[in-house]
Amino acid sequence: MSLDDLPPLRAVIARHDLRARKALGQNFLLDLTLTARIARAAGDLAGSDVLEVGPGPGGLTRGLLEEGARRVLAIEKDPRCLPALAEIAAAAPGRLEVILGDALEIDPLAHLTPPIRVAANLPYNVGTELLVRWLTPPAWPPFWQSLTLMFQKEVAERIVAAPGSKAYGRLALLAQWRCEARIVLTLPPEAFTPPPKVHSAVVHLTALPEPRYPADPEVLERVVAAAFNQRRKMLRAALRGLSPDIEAHLEAAGIPPTERAERVDLERFCALSRSLAEG
């Protein structure tokens, strides 16, 4: 059997009784045309290993293999999905490895060979946490070349947001400091089974060789977290806990002390982080 011979996903779900479980954040994407589009959005997969989190019945898994991924490592928490994924593995010998477990607790690097890309229709309940982990490794560049990830549309918009918008905040700064980030596909609720209450979007992030502006990652994270935890406050008040001389540091970074976080761009947040790190 080849990948082309595999049955439609609805038939797979019926045969294996794979009703989506809300507790696992499952919303299955059954249209293989759409899963193929997501796989293509991940870029040229030939010669790359791909990490997929939450494959479910394997729609995107099929797309990644058909687009030429050297190997796919799929981490799945729901044991009910294993028989369906085993059928895909049999149709693509030696190219799909499935690990049963929680992606938050598994180190995938022992199972992957660079170059590595990540592509996933992430379970809604762990998507943001996984993204932040991938954006904040101990060293940069990270283990991955690109991330192609499905989120709720609201989360996707926060990743690509510009200063001055309501969506702009910590996630935008973390992503855009070290990556090129863009929304490549938007999907309505009815594309999924069961339909979620919100639209979804696929974000493609490409790792930059080095951050856009120099800054200590831990200092930048503290500054951004403090600034947006109290985003309605002026920065001289929101950041007071970081330094008794916070106004001088703000002015050194070219930021008016009366400014609010959502109007400060990435370059000035990095400048403020450098000023604070220097004391």
Protein backbone atom coordinates (compact mmCIF):
# COMPACT_ATOMS: atom_id res chain seq x y z
CA MET A 1 0.00 0.00 0.00
CA SER A 2 1.23 3.52 -0.85
CA LEU A 3 0.16 6.86 0.62
CA ASP A 4 -2.19 7.34 -2.34
CA ASP A 5 -3.99 4.12 -1.44
CA LEU A 6 -4.89 5.19 2.10
CA PRO A 7 -8.63 5.67 2.76
CA PRO A 8 -10.26 9.10 3.32
CA LEU A 9 -9.84 10.48 6.82
CA ARG A 10 -13.56 10.25 7.59
CA ALA A 11 -13.38 6.52 6.93
CA VAL A 12 -10.29 6.24 9.13
CA ILE A 13 -12.02 8.08 11.97
CA ALA A 14 -15.15 5.91 11.66
CA ARG A 15 -13.16 2.66 11.56
CA HIS A 16 -11.06 3.52 14.60
CA ASP A 17 -13.82 5.42 16.47
CA LEU A 18 -11.70 8.56 16.73
CA ARG A 19 -14.19 11.08 18.00
CA ALA A 20 -12.32 14.24 18.94
CA ARG A 21 -11.92 14.83 22.67
CA LYS A 22 -12.25 18.34 24.04
CA ALA A 23 -10.02 17.49 27.00
CA LEU A 24 -7.14 16.87 24.56
CA GLY A 25 -7.79 20.06 22.60
CA GLN A 26 -8.63 17.98 19.51
CA ASN A 27 -10.19 19.44 16.36
CA PHE A 28 -9.44 17.23 13.38
CA LEU A 29 -8.76 18.71 9.94
CA LEU A 30 -10.15 16.16 7.48
CA ASP A 31 -9.75 17.90 4.12
CA LEU A 32 -6.57 16.45 2.60
CA THR A 33 -6.39 19.38 0.18
CA LEU A 34 -6.03 21.72 3.16
CA THR A 35 -3.51 19.52 4.97
CA ALA A 36 -1.47 19.42 1.75
CA ARG A 37 -1.53 23.24 1.62
CA ILE A 38 -0.22 23.41 5.19
CA ALA A 39 2.53 20.92 4.36
CA ARG A 40 3.55 23.00 1.32
CA ALA A 41 3.59 26.14 3.49
CA ALA A 42 6.32 24.48 5.58
CA GLY A 43 8.71 24.93 2.64
CA ASP A 44 10.94 22.48 0.82
CA LEU A 45 10.82 19.38 3.01
CA ALA A 46 13.10 17.22 0.87
CA GLY A 47 16.13 16.28 2.92
CA SER A 48 14.57 17.49 6.20
CA ASP A 49 13.23 15.72 9.26
CA VAL A 50 9.88 17.10 10.41
CA LEU A 51 8.54 17.19 13.97
CA GLU A 52 4.75 17.01 14.18
CA VAL A 53 2.85 17.42 17.46
CA GLY A 54 -0.71 16.10 17.77
CA PRO A 55 -1.11 14.31 14.43
CA GLY A 56 -4.49 12.80 15.39
CA PRO A 57 -5.70 10.59 12.52
CA GLY A 58 -2.77 11.75 10.38
CA GLY A 59 -4.08 14.19 7.78
CA LEU A 60 -1.14 16.57 8.01
CA THR A 61 1.20 13.60 8.51
CA ARG A 62 0.20 12.32 5.08
CA GLY A 63 0.74 15.76 3.57
CA LEU A 64 4.24 16.09 5.05
CA LEU A 65 5.26 12.69 3.72
CA GLU A 66 3.75 13.37 0.30
CA GLU A 67 5.63 16.69 0.15
CA GLY A 68 8.87 14.77 0.48
CA ALA A 69 9.84 14.96 4.15
CA ARG A 70 12.82 12.68 4.76
CA ARG A 71 11.30 11.51 8.05
CA VAL A 72 8.39 12.60 10.22
CA LEU A 73 8.47 12.25 14.00
CA ALA A 74 4.90 12.44 15.27
CA ILE A 75 4.24 12.89 18.99
CA GLU A 76 0.69 11.88 19.89
CA LYS A 77 -0.87 11.87 23.35
CA ASP A 78 -4.02 9.92 22.43
CA PRO A 79 -3.41 6.14 22.13
CA ARG A 80 -6.62 5.77 20.10
CA CYS A 81 -4.80 7.41 17.15
CA LEU A 82 -1.95 4.91 17.03
CA PRO A 83 -3.62 2.32 14.72
CA ALA A 84 -4.45 5.02 12.14
CA LEU A 85 -0.90 6.36 12.27
CA ALA A 86 0.49 2.82 11.97
CA GLU A 87 -1.36 2.48 8.65
CA ILE A 88 0.42 5.61 7.38
CA ALA A 89 3.77 4.28 8.61
CA ALA A 90 3.18 1.05 6.69
CA ALA A 91 2.46 3.06 3.53
CA ALA A 92 5.71 5.05 3.92
CA PRO A 93 8.25 2.49 5.18
CA GLY A 94 11.00 3.91 7.35
CA ARG A 95 9.76 7.50 7.09
CA LEU A 96 7.32 7.86 10.01
CA GLU A 97 8.09 7.34 13.71
CA VAL A 98 5.27 7.79 16.21
CA ILE A 99 5.90 8.42 19.91
CA LEU A 100 3.04 8.11 22.37
CA GLY A 101 3.33 10.81 25.00
CA ASP A 102 3.09 14.46 25.98
CA ALA A 103 5.05 16.84 23.73
CA LEU A 104 5.72 19.06 26.76
CA GLU A 105 7.64 16.21 28.39
CA ILE A 106 9.46 14.60 25.43
CA ASP A 107 12.83 15.69 24.03
CA PRO A 108 12.47 15.07 20.29
CA LEU A 109 16.12 15.70 19.41
CA ALA A 110 17.19 12.12 20.13
CA HIS A 111 14.88 11.06 17.27
CA LEU A 112 15.67 13.77 14.70
CA THR A 113 18.55 14.57 12.36
CA PRO A 114 19.14 18.14 11.12
CA PRO A 115 17.96 19.97 9.15
CA ILE A 116 14.72 19.95 11.13
CA ARG A 117 11.40 21.69 10.54
CA VAL A 118 8.34 21.71 12.80
CA ALA A 119 4.83 21.49 11.33
CA ALA A 120 1.73 20.88 13.39
CA ASN A 121 -1.97 21.49 13.86
CA LEU A 122 -1.24 22.13 17.52
CA PRO A 123 -3.76 21.13 20.19
CA TYR A 124 -5.23 24.44 21.35
CA ASN A 125 -4.50 23.73 25.01
CA VAL A 126 -0.69 23.50 24.59
CA GLY A 127 0.00 25.50 21.44
CA THR A 128 1.21 28.75 22.98
CA GLU A 129 3.36 27.02 25.59
CA LEU A 130 5.10 24.93 22.95
CA LEU A 131 5.69 27.98 20.76
CA VAL A 132 7.28 29.94 23.62
CA ARG A 133 9.56 26.99 24.40
CA TRP A 134 10.67 26.77 20.77
CA LEU A 135 11.31 30.54 20.67
CA THR A 136 13.35 30.62 23.89
CA PRO A 137 15.97 27.84 23.74
CA PRO A 138 19.18 28.10 25.79
CA ALA A 139 21.16 28.89 22.64
CA TRP A 140 20.36 30.40 19.24
CA PRO A 141 20.02 29.37 16.41
CA PRO A 142 17.53 26.72 17.61
CA PHE A 143 17.31 23.07 16.58
CA TRP A 144 14.63 23.95 14.00
CA GLN A 145 14.84 25.90 10.75
CA SER A 146 11.15 26.79 10.60
CA LEU A 147 7.86 26.40 12.46
CA THR A 148 4.59 26.01 10.54
CA LEU A 149 1.88 25.94 13.17
CA MET A 150 -1.90 26.10 13.41
CA PHE A 151 -3.35 28.31 16.15
CA GLN A 152 -6.59 29.99 16.98
CA LYS A 153 -6.65 33.02 14.68
CA GLU A 154 -6.47 35.38 17.68
CA VAL A 155 -3.19 33.77 18.79
CA ALA A 156 -1.79 33.85 15.25
CA GLU A 157 -2.54 37.57 15.05
CA ARG A 158 -0.68 38.14 18.32
CA ILE A 159 2.43 36.47 16.85
CA VAL A 160 2.59 38.76 13.80
CA ALA A 161 1.20 41.94 15.44
CA ALA A 162 2.79 45.36 14.91
CA PRO A 163 3.34 48.05 17.58
CA GLY A 164 0.25 50.13 18.27
CA SER A 165 -2.23 47.30 17.71
CA LYS A 166 -4.28 45.63 20.42
CA ALA A 167 -2.77 42.25 19.54
CA TYR A 168 0.81 43.51 20.03
CA GLY A 169 2.51 42.11 23.12
CA ARG A 170 4.92 39.56 24.53
CA LEU A 171 4.25 36.90 21.89
CA ALA A 172 4.91 39.30 18.99
CA LEU A 173 8.18 40.46 20.53
CA LEU A 174 9.42 36.96 21.34
CA ALA A 175 8.62 35.74 17.83
CA GLN A 176 9.80 38.74 15.83
CA TRP A 177 13.05 39.22 17.75
CA ARG A 178 14.46 35.99 16.34
CA CYS A 179 12.18 35.05 13.44
CA GLU A 180 10.42 36.12 10.30
CA ALA A 181 6.73 35.48 11.06
CA ARG A 182 3.72 35.60 8.75
CA ILE A 183 0.23 34.15 8.53
CA VAL A 184 0.05 31.86 5.48
CA LEU A 185 -3.47 30.40 5.75
CA THR A 186 -6.74 31.18 7.55
CA LEU A 187 -9.36 28.48 8.11
CA PRO A 188 -13.03 28.76 9.14
CA PRO A 189 -14.50 26.64 11.96
CA GLU A 190 -16.33 24.36 9.52
CA ALA A 191 -13.01 23.08 8.15
CA PHE A 192 -12.64 21.06 11.36
CA THR A 193 -14.41 18.16 13.06
CA PRO A 194 -15.84 19.14 15.48
CA PRO A 195 -15.95 22.82 14.45
CA PRO A 196 -14.28 25.05 17.06
CA LYS A 197 -15.98 28.31 18.05
CA VAL A 198 -13.23 30.41 16.45
CA HIS A 199 -11.37 30.78 13.17
CA SER A 200 -7.90 29.25 12.92
CA ALA A 201 -4.74 30.38 11.15
CA VAL A 202 -1.40 28.87 10.16
CA VAL A 203 1.71 30.86 11.03
CA HIS A 204 5.06 30.22 9.34
CA LEU A 205 8.12 31.30 11.35
CA THR A 206 11.63 31.12 9.90
CA ALA A 207 14.52 31.23 12.36
CA LEU A 208 16.95 34.12 11.80
CA PRO A 209 20.68 33.31 12.10
CA GLU A 210 20.84 35.72 15.05
CA PRO A 211 18.39 38.07 16.81
CA ARG A 212 17.46 41.29 15.02
CA TYR A 213 18.94 43.44 17.80
CA PRO A 214 21.38 42.53 20.58
CA ALA A 215 19.86 41.89 24.01
CA ASP A 216 20.22 39.41 26.84
CA PRO A 217 17.27 37.00 26.43
CA GLU A 218 16.48 36.79 30.14
CA VAL A 219 16.57 40.58 30.61
CA LEU A 220 14.44 41.16 27.52
CA GLU A 221 11.91 38.59 28.73
CA ARG A 222 11.68 40.29 32.15
CA VAL A 223 11.27 43.73 30.58
CA VAL A 224 8.59 42.62 28.13
CA ALA A 225 6.69 40.61 30.75
CA ALA A 226 6.65 43.53 33.20
CA ALA A 227 5.68 46.02 30.50
CA PHE A 228 2.72 44.04 29.19
CA ASN A 229 1.52 42.69 32.53
CA GLN A 230 0.39 46.26 33.19
CA ARG A 231 -0.05 47.46 29.63
CA ARG A 232 -2.45 50.27 30.57
CA LYS A 233 0.18 51.90 32.77
CA MET A 234 2.92 54.26 31.66
CA LEU A 235 6.22 52.41 31.42
CA ARG A 236 7.84 54.40 34.21
CA ALA A 237 5.20 52.87 36.52
CA ALA A 238 4.93 49.42 34.92
CA LEU A 239 8.72 48.89 35.01
CA ARG A 240 9.47 50.53 38.36
CA GLY A 241 10.25 47.16 39.92
CA LEU A 242 13.11 46.54 37.49
CA SER A 243 15.27 49.48 38.52
CA PRO A 244 15.11 52.52 40.82
CA ASP A 245 16.49 54.53 37.86
CA ILE A 246 13.97 53.22 35.34
CA GLU A 247 13.24 56.68 33.88
CA ALA A 248 16.91 57.21 33.04
CA HIS A 249 17.07 53.78 31.38
CA LEU A 250 13.91 54.51 29.38
CA GLU A 251 15.31 57.82 28.16
CA ALA A 252 18.64 56.16 27.29
CA ALA A 253 16.68 53.76 25.06
CA GLY A 254 14.78 56.58 23.37
CA ILE A 255 11.50 55.76 25.13
CA PRO A 256 9.47 58.54 26.77
CA PRO A 257 8.82 57.47 30.40
CA THR A 258 5.13 58.27 29.84
CA GLU A 259 4.87 55.85 26.90
CA ARG A 260 2.81 52.67 27.09
CA ALA A 261 4.14 49.24 26.19
CA GLU A 262 1.98 48.67 23.11
CA ARG A 263 3.56 51.68 21.35
CA VAL A 264 7.19 50.63 21.86
CA ASP A 265 8.82 48.70 19.02
CA LEU A 266 11.19 45.75 19.29
CA GLU A 267 14.35 47.79 18.66
CA ARG A 268 13.66 50.10 21.63
CA PHE A 269 12.72 47.20 23.94
CA CYS A 270 16.10 45.65 23.09
CA ALA A 271 17.86 48.97 23.73
CA LEU A 272 16.12 49.23 27.11
CA SER A 273 17.18 45.67 27.96
CA ARG A 274 20.81 46.50 27.13
CA SER A 275 20.69 49.64 29.29
CA LEU A 276 19.28 47.69 32.23
CA ALA A 277 21.86 44.89 31.79
CA GLU A 278 24.68 47.44 31.87
CA GLY A 279 23.31 48.86 35.11
